[in-house]
Amino acid sequence: MEENCCESGSGGCCSNEAEGKCGCSGESNCCEKSYDKMGMMMWLAHSAKMELIKEKMKKKLEAAKGKKLDQVAELFVDAMMEKYKDEAESEKKKEELQQKFDAIFEKE
């Protein structure tokens, strides 16, 4: 039982980017072909399993290293915020320089 992705309105529903395949007999562009619903469902089940494993790993890491990872996160978030602040100040100085530069030529 096959169906066209675009006709079903799911737009690329059978794409499996991880393997570079989809349920369309290994073709990379599913919307031009039909796809195998069983293949798509197996891919979805695999994807759900990987998401669940990732969630479980997050819980284990939080329990084992949560405080240390909080410190790492804080360190890098602070660094990122400082970088944005510096970029904003730099942009402001650049705009002021541009205004002064423009003013020199407006005097002529």
PDB file of N, CA and C in Angstrom:
ATOM      1  N   MET A   1       0.845  -1.171   0.000  1.00  0.00           N
ATOM      2  CA  MET A   1       0.000   0.000   0.000  1.00  0.00           C
ATOM      3  C   MET A   1       0.893   1.239   0.000  1.00  0.00           C
ATOM      4  N   GLU A   2       0.962   1.952  -1.124  1.00  0.00           N
ATOM      5  CA  GLU A   2       1.826   3.109  -1.236  1.00  0.00           C
ATOM      6  C   GLU A   2       1.022   4.371  -1.440  1.00  0.00           C
ATOM      7  N   GLU A   3       1.622   5.489  -1.063  1.00  0.00           N
ATOM      8  CA  GLU A   3       0.961   6.774  -1.170  1.00  0.00           C
ATOM      9  C   GLU A   3       2.019   7.812  -1.528  1.00  0.00           C
ATOM     10  N   ASN A   4       1.633   8.849  -2.243  1.00  0.00           N
ATOM     11  CA  ASN A   4       2.565   9.913  -2.590  1.00  0.00           C
ATOM     12  C   ASN A   4       2.611  10.917  -1.449  1.00  0.00           C
ATOM     13  N   CYS A   5       3.820  11.281  -0.996  1.00  0.00           N
ATOM     14  CA  CYS A   5       3.974  12.200   0.141  1.00  0.00           C
ATOM     15  C   CYS A   5       3.278  13.525  -0.109  1.00  0.00           C
ATOM     16  N   CYS A   6       3.476  14.102  -1.273  1.00  0.00           N
ATOM     17  CA  CYS A   6       2.908  15.420  -1.542  1.00  0.00           C
ATOM     18  C   CYS A   6       1.390  15.354  -1.636  1.00  0.00           C
ATOM     19  N   GLU A   7       0.887  14.279  -2.230  1.00  0.00           N
ATOM     20  CA  GLU A   7      -0.560  14.146  -2.352  1.00  0.00           C
ATOM     21  C   GLU A   7      -1.213  13.964  -0.986  1.00  0.00           C
ATOM     22  N   SER A   8      -0.506  13.335  -0.061  1.00  0.00           N
ATOM     23  CA  SER A   8      -1.086  13.099   1.264  1.00  0.00           C
ATOM     24  C   SER A   8      -1.017  14.350   2.129  1.00  0.00           C
ATOM     25  N   GLY A   9      -0.292  15.390   1.652  1.00  0.00           N
ATOM     26  CA  GLY A   9      -0.206  16.638   2.386  1.00  0.00           C
ATOM     27  C   GLY A   9       0.797  16.622   3.518  1.00  0.00           C
ATOM     28  N   SER A  10       1.629  15.576   3.594  1.00  0.00           N
ATOM     29  CA  SER A  10       2.586  15.507   4.689  1.00  0.00           C
ATOM     30  C   SER A  10       3.929  16.092   4.311  1.00  0.00           C
ATOM     31  N   GLY A  11       4.155  16.403   3.058  1.00  0.00           N
ATOM     32  CA  GLY A  11       5.351  17.103   2.615  1.00  0.00           C
ATOM     33  C   GLY A  11       6.662  16.536   3.111  1.00  0.00           C
ATOM     34  N   GLY A  12       7.207  15.544   2.432  1.00  0.00           N
ATOM     35  CA  GLY A  12       8.477  14.983   2.834  1.00  0.00           C
ATOM     36  C   GLY A  12       8.367  14.035   4.004  1.00  0.00           C
ATOM     37  N   CYS A  13       7.213  13.432   4.182  1.00  0.00           N
ATOM     38  CA  CYS A  13       6.935  12.631   5.365  1.00  0.00           C
ATOM     39  C   CYS A  13       7.829  11.416   5.498  1.00  0.00           C
ATOM     40  N   CYS A  14       8.359  10.931   4.407  1.00  0.00           N
ATOM     41  CA  CYS A  14       9.117   9.695   4.520  1.00  0.00           C
ATOM     42  C   CYS A  14      10.614   9.925   4.483  1.00  0.00           C
ATOM     43  N   SER A  15      11.057  11.137   4.624  1.00  0.00           N
ATOM     44  CA  SER A  15      12.475  11.445   4.596  1.00  0.00           C
ATOM     45  C   SER A  15      13.177  10.893   5.820  1.00  0.00           C
ATOM     46  N   ASN A  16      14.304  10.239   5.609  1.00  0.00           N
ATOM     47  CA  ASN A  16      15.138   9.740   6.704  1.00  0.00           C
ATOM     48  C   ASN A  16      16.510  10.364   6.519  1.00  0.00           C
ATOM     49  N   GLU A  17      16.689  11.554   7.069  1.00  0.00           N
ATOM     50  CA  GLU A  17      17.922  12.297   6.872  1.00  0.00           C
ATOM     51  C   GLU A  17      19.120  11.600   7.483  1.00  0.00           C
ATOM     52  N   ALA A  18      18.905  10.856   8.569  1.00  0.00           N
ATOM     53  CA  ALA A  18      20.018  10.195   9.246  1.00  0.00           C
ATOM     54  C   ALA A  18      20.713   9.202   8.325  1.00  0.00           C
ATOM     55  N   GLU A  19      19.946   8.483   7.531  1.00  0.00           N
ATOM     56  CA  GLU A  19      20.514   7.490   6.641  1.00  0.00           C
ATOM     57  C   GLU A  19      20.587   7.988   5.204  1.00  0.00           C
ATOM     58  N   GLY A  20      20.074   9.180   4.947  1.00  0.00           N
ATOM     59  CA  GLY A  20      20.048   9.709   3.594  1.00  0.00           C
ATOM     60  C   GLY A  20      19.073   8.960   2.703  1.00  0.00           C
ATOM     61  N   LYS A  21      18.131   8.266   3.308  1.00  0.00           N
ATOM     62  CA  LYS A  21      17.152   7.480   2.564  1.00  0.00           C
ATOM     63  C   LYS A  21      15.756   7.862   3.014  1.00  0.00           C
ATOM     64  N   CYS A  22      14.793   7.259   2.410  1.00  0.00           N
ATOM     65  CA  CYS A  22      13.422   7.391   2.880  1.00  0.00           C
ATOM     66  C   CYS A  22      12.703   6.094   2.555  1.00  0.00           C
ATOM     67  N   GLY A  23      11.426   6.070   2.766  1.00  0.00           N
ATOM     68  CA  GLY A  23      10.659   4.865   2.476  1.00  0.00           C
ATOM     69  C   GLY A  23      10.347   4.707   1.004  1.00  0.00           C
ATOM     70  N   CYS A  24      10.991   5.476   0.158  1.00  0.00           N
ATOM     71  CA  CYS A  24      10.732   5.440  -1.290  1.00  0.00           C
ATOM     72  C   CYS A  24      11.778   4.589  -1.977  1.00  0.00           C
ATOM     73  N   SER A  25      11.951   3.399  -1.542  1.00  0.00           N
ATOM     74  CA  SER A  25      12.919   2.471  -2.120  1.00  0.00           C
ATOM     75  C   SER A  25      14.318   3.068  -2.174  1.00  0.00           C
ATOM     76  N   GLY A  26      14.700   3.833  -1.147  1.00  0.00           N
ATOM     77  CA  GLY A  26      16.040   4.388  -1.075  1.00  0.00           C
ATOM     78  C   GLY A  26      16.231   5.681  -1.840  1.00  0.00           C
ATOM     79  N   GLU A  27      15.221   6.169  -2.491  1.00  0.00           N
ATOM     80  CA  GLU A  27      15.338   7.431  -3.232  1.00  0.00           C
ATOM     81  C   GLU A  27      15.437   8.584  -2.248  1.00  0.00           C
ATOM     82  N   SER A  28      16.093   9.664  -2.643  1.00  0.00           N
ATOM     83  CA  SER A  28      16.261  10.796  -1.737  1.00  0.00           C
ATOM     84  C   SER A  28      15.134  11.812  -1.845  1.00  0.00           C
ATOM     85  N   ASN A  29      14.377  11.811  -2.914  1.00  0.00           N
ATOM     86  CA  ASN A  29      13.299  12.789  -3.051  1.00  0.00           C
ATOM     87  C   ASN A  29      11.959  12.074  -3.025  1.00  0.00           C
ATOM     88  N   CYS A  30      11.370  12.012  -1.853  1.00  0.00           N
ATOM     89  CA  CYS A  30      10.156  11.229  -1.656  1.00  0.00           C
ATOM     90  C   CYS A  30       8.941  11.813  -2.361  1.00  0.00           C
ATOM     91  N   CYS A  31       8.883  13.114  -2.488  1.00  0.00           N
ATOM     92  CA  CYS A  31       7.680  13.712  -3.054  1.00  0.00           C
ATOM     93  C   CYS A  31       7.528  13.434  -4.536  1.00  0.00           C
ATOM     94  N   GLU A  32       8.582  13.007  -5.179  1.00  0.00           N
ATOM     95  CA  GLU A  32       8.476  12.658  -6.593  1.00  0.00           C
ATOM     96  C   GLU A  32       8.122  11.184  -6.757  1.00  0.00           C
ATOM     97  N   LYS A  33       8.215  10.433  -5.687  1.00  0.00           N
ATOM     98  CA  LYS A  33       7.976   8.990  -5.734  1.00  0.00           C
ATOM     99  C   LYS A  33       6.899   8.613  -4.727  1.00  0.00           C
ATOM    100  N   SER A  34       6.554   7.364  -4.716  1.00  0.00           N
ATOM    101  CA  SER A  34       5.668   6.837  -3.688  1.00  0.00           C
ATOM    102  C   SER A  34       6.526   6.320  -2.556  1.00  0.00           C
ATOM    103  N   TYR A  35       5.944   6.166  -1.375  1.00  0.00           N
ATOM    104  CA  TYR A  35       6.716   5.623  -0.272  1.00  0.00           C
ATOM    105  C   TYR A  35       5.983   4.448   0.334  1.00  0.00           C
ATOM    106  N   ASP A  36       6.747   3.632   1.008  1.00  0.00           N
ATOM    107  CA  ASP A  36       6.239   2.437   1.657  1.00  0.00           C
ATOM    108  C   ASP A  36       5.835   2.806   3.087  1.00  0.00           C
ATOM    109  N   LYS A  37       4.551   2.672   3.413  1.00  0.00           N
ATOM    110  CA  LYS A  37       4.066   3.042   4.748  1.00  0.00           C
ATOM    111  C   LYS A  37       4.743   2.212   5.835  1.00  0.00           C
ATOM    112  N   MET A  38       5.015   0.949   5.567  1.00  0.00           N
ATOM    113  CA  MET A  38       5.684   0.109   6.554  1.00  0.00           C
ATOM    114  C   MET A  38       7.098   0.632   6.821  1.00  0.00           C
ATOM    115  N   GLY A  39       7.782   1.017   5.759  1.00  0.00           N
ATOM    116  CA  GLY A  39       9.129   1.558   5.913  1.00  0.00           C
ATOM    117  C   GLY A  39       9.115   2.847   6.726  1.00  0.00           C
ATOM    118  N   MET A  40       8.124   3.689   6.462  1.00  0.00           N
ATOM    119  CA  MET A  40       8.007   4.936   7.190  1.00  0.00           C
ATOM    120  C   MET A  40       7.717   4.671   8.663  1.00  0.00           C
ATOM    121  N   MET A  41       6.832   3.740   8.955  1.00  0.00           N
ATOM    122  CA  MET A  41       6.490   3.436  10.338  1.00  0.00           C
ATOM    123  C   MET A  41       7.687   2.846  11.085  1.00  0.00           C
ATOM    124  N   MET A  42       8.465   2.012  10.423  1.00  0.00           N
ATOM    125  CA  MET A  42       9.663   1.458  11.054  1.00  0.00           C
ATOM    126  C   MET A  42      10.658   2.571  11.350  1.00  0.00           C
ATOM    127  N   TRP A  43      10.801   3.517  10.421  1.00  0.00           N
ATOM    128  CA  TRP A  43      11.689   4.648  10.649  1.00  0.00           C
ATOM    129  C   TRP A  43      11.193   5.493  11.819  1.00  0.00           C
ATOM    130  N   LEU A  44       9.886   5.741  11.902  1.00  0.00           N
ATOM    131  CA  LEU A  44       9.326   6.514  13.009  1.00  0.00           C
ATOM    132  C   LEU A  44       9.561   5.815  14.349  1.00  0.00           C
ATOM    133  N   ALA A  45       9.393   4.493  14.368  1.00  0.00           N
ATOM    134  CA  ALA A  45       9.626   3.734  15.603  1.00  0.00           C
ATOM    135  C   ALA A  45      11.091   3.844  16.021  1.00  0.00           C
ATOM    136  N   HIS A  46      11.985   3.727  15.073  1.00  0.00           N
ATOM    137  CA  HIS A  46      13.420   3.863  15.352  1.00  0.00           C
ATOM    138  C   HIS A  46      13.729   5.261  15.877  1.00  0.00           C
ATOM    139  N   SER A  47      13.154   6.261  15.250  1.00  0.00           N
ATOM    140  CA  SER A  47      13.362   7.649  15.658  1.00  0.00           C
ATOM    141  C   SER A  47      12.858   7.872  17.088  1.00  0.00           C
ATOM    142  N   ALA A  48      11.687   7.339  17.411  1.00  0.00           N
ATOM    143  CA  ALA A  48      11.125   7.467  18.760  1.00  0.00           C
ATOM    144  C   ALA A  48      12.033   6.791  19.787  1.00  0.00           C
ATOM    145  N   LYS A  49      12.574   5.643  19.427  1.00  0.00           N
ATOM    146  CA  LYS A  49      13.484   4.928  20.319  1.00  0.00           C
ATOM    147  C   LYS A  49      14.724   5.772  20.600  1.00  0.00           C
ATOM    148  N   MET A  50      15.280   6.386  19.572  1.00  0.00           N
ATOM    149  CA  MET A  50      16.467   7.226  19.745  1.00  0.00           C
ATOM    150  C   MET A  50      16.162   8.438  20.628  1.00  0.00           C
ATOM    151  N   GLU A  51      14.996   9.036  20.462  1.00  0.00           N
ATOM    152  CA  GLU A  51      14.594  10.165  21.304  1.00  0.00           C
ATOM    153  C   GLU A  51      14.463   9.732  22.762  1.00  0.00           C
ATOM    154  N   LEU A  52      13.872   8.573  22.995  1.00  0.00           N
ATOM    155  CA  LEU A  52      13.703   8.063  24.351  1.00  0.00           C
ATOM    156  C   LEU A  52      15.057   7.784  25.004  1.00  0.00           C
ATOM    157  N   ILE A  53      15.960   7.173  24.249  1.00  0.00           N
ATOM    158  CA  ILE A  53      17.303   6.908  24.776  1.00  0.00           C
ATOM    159  C   ILE A  53      17.990   8.224  25.131  1.00  0.00           C
ATOM    160  N   LYS A  54      17.844   9.223  24.277  1.00  0.00           N
ATOM    161  CA  LYS A  54      18.450  10.532  24.544  1.00  0.00           C
ATOM    162  C   LYS A  54      17.887  11.133  25.835  1.00  0.00           C
ATOM    163  N   GLU A  55      16.573  11.048  26.036  1.00  0.00           N
ATOM    164  CA  GLU A  55      15.951  11.569  27.260  1.00  0.00           C
ATOM    165  C   GLU A  55      16.481  10.845  28.491  1.00  0.00           C
ATOM    166  N   LYS A  56      16.624   9.532  28.397  1.00  0.00           N
ATOM    167  CA  LYS A  56      17.131   8.750  29.519  1.00  0.00           C
ATOM    168  C   LYS A  56      18.583   9.119  29.825  1.00  0.00           C
ATOM    169  N   MET A  57      19.366   9.338  28.789  1.00  0.00           N
ATOM    170  CA  MET A  57      20.755   9.744  28.984  1.00  0.00           C
ATOM    171  C   MET A  57      20.831  11.107  29.658  1.00  0.00           C
ATOM    172  N   LYS A  58      19.946  12.006  29.277  1.00  0.00           N
ATOM    173  CA  LYS A  58      19.910  13.324  29.906  1.00  0.00           C
ATOM    174  C   LYS A  58      19.629  13.202  31.404  1.00  0.00           C
ATOM    175  N   LYS A  59      18.682  12.344  31.757  1.00  0.00           N
ATOM    176  CA  LYS A  59      18.344  12.140  33.174  1.00  0.00           C
ATOM    177  C   LYS A  59      19.543  11.592  33.949  1.00  0.00           C
ATOM    178  N   LYS A  60      20.234  10.625  33.366  1.00  0.00           N
ATOM    179  CA  LYS A  60      21.405  10.034  34.019  1.00  0.00           C
ATOM    180  C   LYS A  60      22.505  11.072  34.181  1.00  0.00           C
ATOM    181  N   LEU A  61      22.746  11.856  33.149  1.00  0.00           N
ATOM    182  CA  LEU A  61      23.769  12.898  33.233  1.00  0.00           C
ATOM    183  C   LEU A  61      23.406  13.952  34.263  1.00  0.00           C
ATOM    184  N   GLU A  62      22.148  14.319  34.318  1.00  0.00           N
ATOM    185  CA  GLU A  62      21.702  15.310  35.299  1.00  0.00           C
ATOM    186  C   GLU A  62      21.949  14.794  36.711  1.00  0.00           C
ATOM    187  N   ALA A  63      21.624  13.538  36.944  1.00  0.00           N
ATOM    188  CA  ALA A  63      21.813  12.961  38.278  1.00  0.00           C
ATOM    189  C   ALA A  63      23.297  12.840  38.626  1.00  0.00           C
ATOM    190  N   ALA A  64      24.111  12.444  37.674  1.00  0.00           N
ATOM    191  CA  ALA A  64      25.525  12.197  37.947  1.00  0.00           C
ATOM    192  C   ALA A  64      26.384  13.464  37.913  1.00  0.00           C
ATOM    193  N   LYS A  65      26.103  14.362  36.986  1.00  0.00           N
ATOM    194  CA  LYS A  65      26.991  15.508  36.769  1.00  0.00           C
ATOM    195  C   LYS A  65      26.253  16.838  36.698  1.00  0.00           C
ATOM    196  N   GLY A  66      25.020  16.861  37.178  1.00  0.00           N
ATOM    197  CA  GLY A  66      24.180  18.047  37.034  1.00  0.00           C
ATOM    198  C   GLY A  66      24.796  19.328  37.544  1.00  0.00           C
ATOM    199  N   LYS A  67      25.371  19.305  38.752  1.00  0.00           N
ATOM    200  CA  LYS A  67      25.940  20.517  39.331  1.00  0.00           C
ATOM    201  C   LYS A  67      27.124  21.023  38.511  1.00  0.00           C
ATOM    202  N   LYS A  68      27.978  20.099  38.102  1.00  0.00           N
ATOM    203  CA  LYS A  68      29.149  20.491  37.306  1.00  0.00           C
ATOM    204  C   LYS A  68      28.701  21.023  35.942  1.00  0.00           C
ATOM    205  N   LEU A  69      27.722  20.373  35.324  1.00  0.00           N
ATOM    206  CA  LEU A  69      27.228  20.835  34.025  1.00  0.00           C
ATOM    207  C   LEU A  69      26.508  22.171  34.151  1.00  0.00           C
ATOM    208  N   ASP A  70      25.867  22.427  35.315  1.00  0.00           N
ATOM    209  CA  ASP A  70      25.265  23.742  35.558  1.00  0.00           C
ATOM    210  C   ASP A  70      26.332  24.822  35.546  1.00  0.00           C
ATOM    211  N   GLN A  71      27.476  24.519  36.152  1.00  0.00           N
ATOM    212  CA  GLN A  71      28.578  25.481  36.178  1.00  0.00           C
ATOM    213  C   GLN A  71      29.112  25.744  34.767  1.00  0.00           C
ATOM    214  N   VAL A  72      29.236  24.678  33.984  1.00  0.00           N
ATOM    215  CA  VAL A  72      29.704  24.819  32.599  1.00  0.00           C
ATOM    216  C   VAL A  72      28.709  25.658  31.806  1.00  0.00           C
ATOM    217  N   ALA A  73      27.424  25.361  31.960  1.00  0.00           N
ATOM    218  CA  ALA A  73      26.391  26.105  31.239  1.00  0.00           C
ATOM    219  C   ALA A  73      26.428  27.579  31.624  1.00  0.00           C
ATOM    220  N   GLU A  74      26.539  27.851  32.919  1.00  0.00           N
ATOM    221  CA  GLU A  74      26.583  29.242  33.377  1.00  0.00           C
ATOM    222  C   GLU A  74      27.801  29.965  32.814  1.00  0.00           C
ATOM    223  N   LEU A  75      28.940  29.305  32.828  1.00  0.00           N
ATOM    224  CA  LEU A  75      30.166  29.891  32.306  1.00  0.00           C
ATOM    225  C   LEU A  75      29.997  30.322  30.846  1.00  0.00           C
ATOM    226  N   PHE A  76      29.460  29.424  30.023  1.00  0.00           N
ATOM    227  CA  PHE A  76      29.363  29.718  28.602  1.00  0.00           C
ATOM    228  C   PHE A  76      28.204  30.650  28.260  1.00  0.00           C
ATOM    229  N   VAL A  77      27.130  30.594  29.021  1.00  0.00           N
ATOM    230  CA  VAL A  77      26.036  31.545  28.796  1.00  0.00           C
ATOM    231  C   VAL A  77      26.518  32.950  29.148  1.00  0.00           C
ATOM    232  N   ASP A  78      27.237  33.076  30.258  1.00  0.00           N
ATOM    233  CA  ASP A  78      27.783  34.384  30.632  1.00  0.00           C
ATOM    234  C   ASP A  78      28.736  34.899  29.559  1.00  0.00           C
ATOM    235  N   ALA A  79      29.588  34.019  29.044  1.00  0.00           N
ATOM    236  CA  ALA A  79      30.534  34.411  27.993  1.00  0.00           C
ATOM    237  C   ALA A  79      29.798  34.859  26.738  1.00  0.00           C
ATOM    238  N   MET A  80      28.742  34.146  26.376  1.00  0.00           N
ATOM    239  CA  MET A  80      27.961  34.513  25.199  1.00  0.00           C
ATOM    240  C   MET A  80      27.303  35.872  25.394  1.00  0.00           C
ATOM    241  N   MET A  81      26.743  36.102  26.581  1.00  0.00           N
ATOM    242  CA  MET A  81      26.080  37.371  26.858  1.00  0.00           C
ATOM    243  C   MET A  81      27.083  38.529  26.814  1.00  0.00           C
ATOM    244  N   GLU A  82      28.271  38.301  27.325  1.00  0.00           N
ATOM    245  CA  GLU A  82      29.321  39.327  27.284  1.00  0.00           C
ATOM    246  C   GLU A  82      29.728  39.618  25.841  1.00  0.00           C
ATOM    247  N   LYS A  83      29.796  38.565  25.045  1.00  0.00           N
ATOM    248  CA  LYS A  83      30.136  38.746  23.626  1.00  0.00           C
ATOM    249  C   LYS A  83      29.074  39.593  22.936  1.00  0.00           C
ATOM    250  N   TYR A  84      27.801  39.301  23.185  1.00  0.00           N
ATOM    251  CA  TYR A  84      26.728  40.089  22.579  1.00  0.00           C
ATOM    252  C   TYR A  84      26.796  41.541  23.026  1.00  0.00           C
ATOM    253  N   LYS A  85      27.103  41.745  24.309  1.00  0.00           N
ATOM    254  CA  LYS A  85      27.224  43.100  24.840  1.00  0.00           C
ATOM    255  C   LYS A  85      28.352  43.837  24.123  1.00  0.00           C
ATOM    256  N   ASP A  86      29.506  43.164  23.982  1.00  0.00           N
ATOM    257  CA  ASP A  86      30.647  43.764  23.295  1.00  0.00           C
ATOM    258  C   ASP A  86      30.313  44.080  21.834  1.00  0.00           C
ATOM    259  N   GLU A  87      29.603  43.170  21.176  1.00  0.00           N
ATOM    260  CA  GLU A  87      29.213  43.395  19.785  1.00  0.00           C
ATOM    261  C   GLU A  87      28.270  44.587  19.665  1.00  0.00           C
ATOM    262  N   ALA A  88      27.353  44.724  20.606  1.00  0.00           N
ATOM    263  CA  ALA A  88      26.414  45.843  20.588  1.00  0.00           C
ATOM    264  C   ALA A  88      27.153  47.160  20.795  1.00  0.00           C
ATOM    265  N   GLU A  89      28.099  47.175  21.734  1.00  0.00           N
ATOM    266  CA  GLU A  89      28.891  48.375  21.969  1.00  0.00           C
ATOM    267  C   GLU A  89      29.740  48.714  20.748  1.00  0.00           C
ATOM    268  N   SER A  90      30.311  47.693  20.141  1.00  0.00           N
ATOM    269  CA  SER A  90      31.123  47.889  18.947  1.00  0.00           C
ATOM    270  C   SER A  90      30.282  48.453  17.805  1.00  0.00           C
ATOM    271  N   GLU A  91      29.075  47.942  17.651  1.00  0.00           N
ATOM    272  CA  GLU A  91      28.176  48.428  16.598  1.00  0.00           C
ATOM    273  C   GLU A  91      27.798  49.887  16.856  1.00  0.00           C
ATOM    274  N   LYS A  92      27.565  50.221  18.110  1.00  0.00           N
ATOM    275  CA  LYS A  92      27.224  51.600  18.467  1.00  0.00           C
ATOM    276  C   LYS A  92      28.384  52.532  18.123  1.00  0.00           C
ATOM    277  N   LYS A  93      29.610  52.129  18.462  1.00  0.00           N
ATOM    278  CA  LYS A  93      30.795  52.935  18.153  1.00  0.00           C
ATOM    279  C   LYS A  93      30.979  53.073  16.638  1.00  0.00           C
ATOM    280  N   LYS A  94      30.692  52.018  15.920  1.00  0.00           N
ATOM    281  CA  LYS A  94      30.798  52.053  14.463  1.00  0.00           C
ATOM    282  C   LYS A  94      29.795  53.054  13.881  1.00  0.00           C
ATOM    283  N   GLU A  95      28.566  53.056  14.402  1.00  0.00           N
ATOM    284  CA  GLU A  95      27.547  54.002  13.942  1.00  0.00           C
ATOM    285  C   GLU A  95      27.959  55.440  14.251  1.00  0.00           C
ATOM    286  N   GLU A  96      28.524  55.669  15.451  1.00  0.00           N
ATOM    287  CA  GLU A  96      28.993  57.007  15.812  1.00  0.00           C
ATOM    288  C   GLU A  96      30.110  57.455  14.873  1.00  0.00           C
ATOM    289  N   LEU A  97      31.025  56.554  14.571  1.00  0.00           N
ATOM    290  CA  LEU A  97      32.111  56.860  13.638  1.00  0.00           C
ATOM    291  C   LEU A  97      31.550  57.215  12.263  1.00  0.00           C
ATOM    292  N   GLN A  98      30.556  56.437  11.816  1.00  0.00           N
ATOM    293  CA  GLN A  98      29.947  56.698  10.506  1.00  0.00           C
ATOM    294  C   GLN A  98      29.298  58.083  10.477  1.00  0.00           C
ATOM    295  N   GLN A  99      28.605  58.464  11.560  1.00  0.00           N
ATOM    296  CA  GLN A  99      27.965  59.778  11.638  1.00  0.00           C
ATOM    297  C   GLN A  99      28.997  60.900  11.589  1.00  0.00           C
ATOM    298  N   LYS A 100      30.093  60.736  12.315  1.00  0.00           N
ATOM    299  CA  LYS A 100      31.155  61.750  12.299  1.00  0.00           C
ATOM    300  C   LYS A 100      31.785  61.854  10.921  1.00  0.00           C
ATOM    301  N   PHE A 101      31.996  60.711  10.301  1.00  0.00           N
ATOM    302  CA  PHE A 101      32.566  60.674   8.958  1.00  0.00           C
ATOM    303  C   PHE A 101      31.644  61.380   7.962  1.00  0.00           C
ATOM    304  N   ASP A 102      30.345  61.058   8.025  1.00  0.00           N
ATOM    305  CA  ASP A 102      29.366  61.693   7.146  1.00  0.00           C
ATOM    306  C   ASP A 102      29.300  63.206   7.380  1.00  0.00           C
ATOM    307  N   ALA A 103      29.426  63.613   8.636  1.00  0.00           N
ATOM    308  CA  ALA A 103      29.363  65.036   8.984  1.00  0.00           C
ATOM    309  C   ALA A 103      30.511  65.812   8.357  1.00  0.00           C
ATOM    310  N   ILE A 104      31.664  65.188   8.247  1.00  0.00           N
ATOM    311  CA  ILE A 104      32.825  65.861   7.633  1.00  0.00           C
ATOM    312  C   ILE A 104      32.505  66.255   6.203  1.00  0.00           C
ATOM    313  N   PHE A 105      31.852  65.362   5.467  1.00  0.00           N
ATOM    314  CA  PHE A 105      31.570  65.627   4.060  1.00  0.00           C
ATOM    315  C   PHE A 105      30.322  66.493   3.870  1.00  0.00           C
ATOM    316  N   GLU A 106      29.488  66.575   4.872  1.00  0.00           N
ATOM    317  CA  GLU A 106      28.294  67.423   4.781  1.00  0.00           C
ATOM    318  C   GLU A 106      28.660  68.898   4.897  1.00  0.00           C
ATOM    319  N   LYS A 107      29.815  69.198   5.477  1.00  0.00           N
ATOM    320  CA  LYS A 107      30.254  70.569   5.666  1.00  0.00           C
ATOM    321  C   LYS A 107      30.689  71.225   4.364  1.00  0.00           C
ATOM    322  N   GLU A 108      30.985  70.477   3.354  1.00  0.00           N
ATOM    323  CA  GLU A 108      31.467  71.037   2.080  1.00  0.00           C
ATOM    324  C   GLU A 108      30.401  71.724   1.282  1.00  0.00           C
TER     325      GLU A 108
END
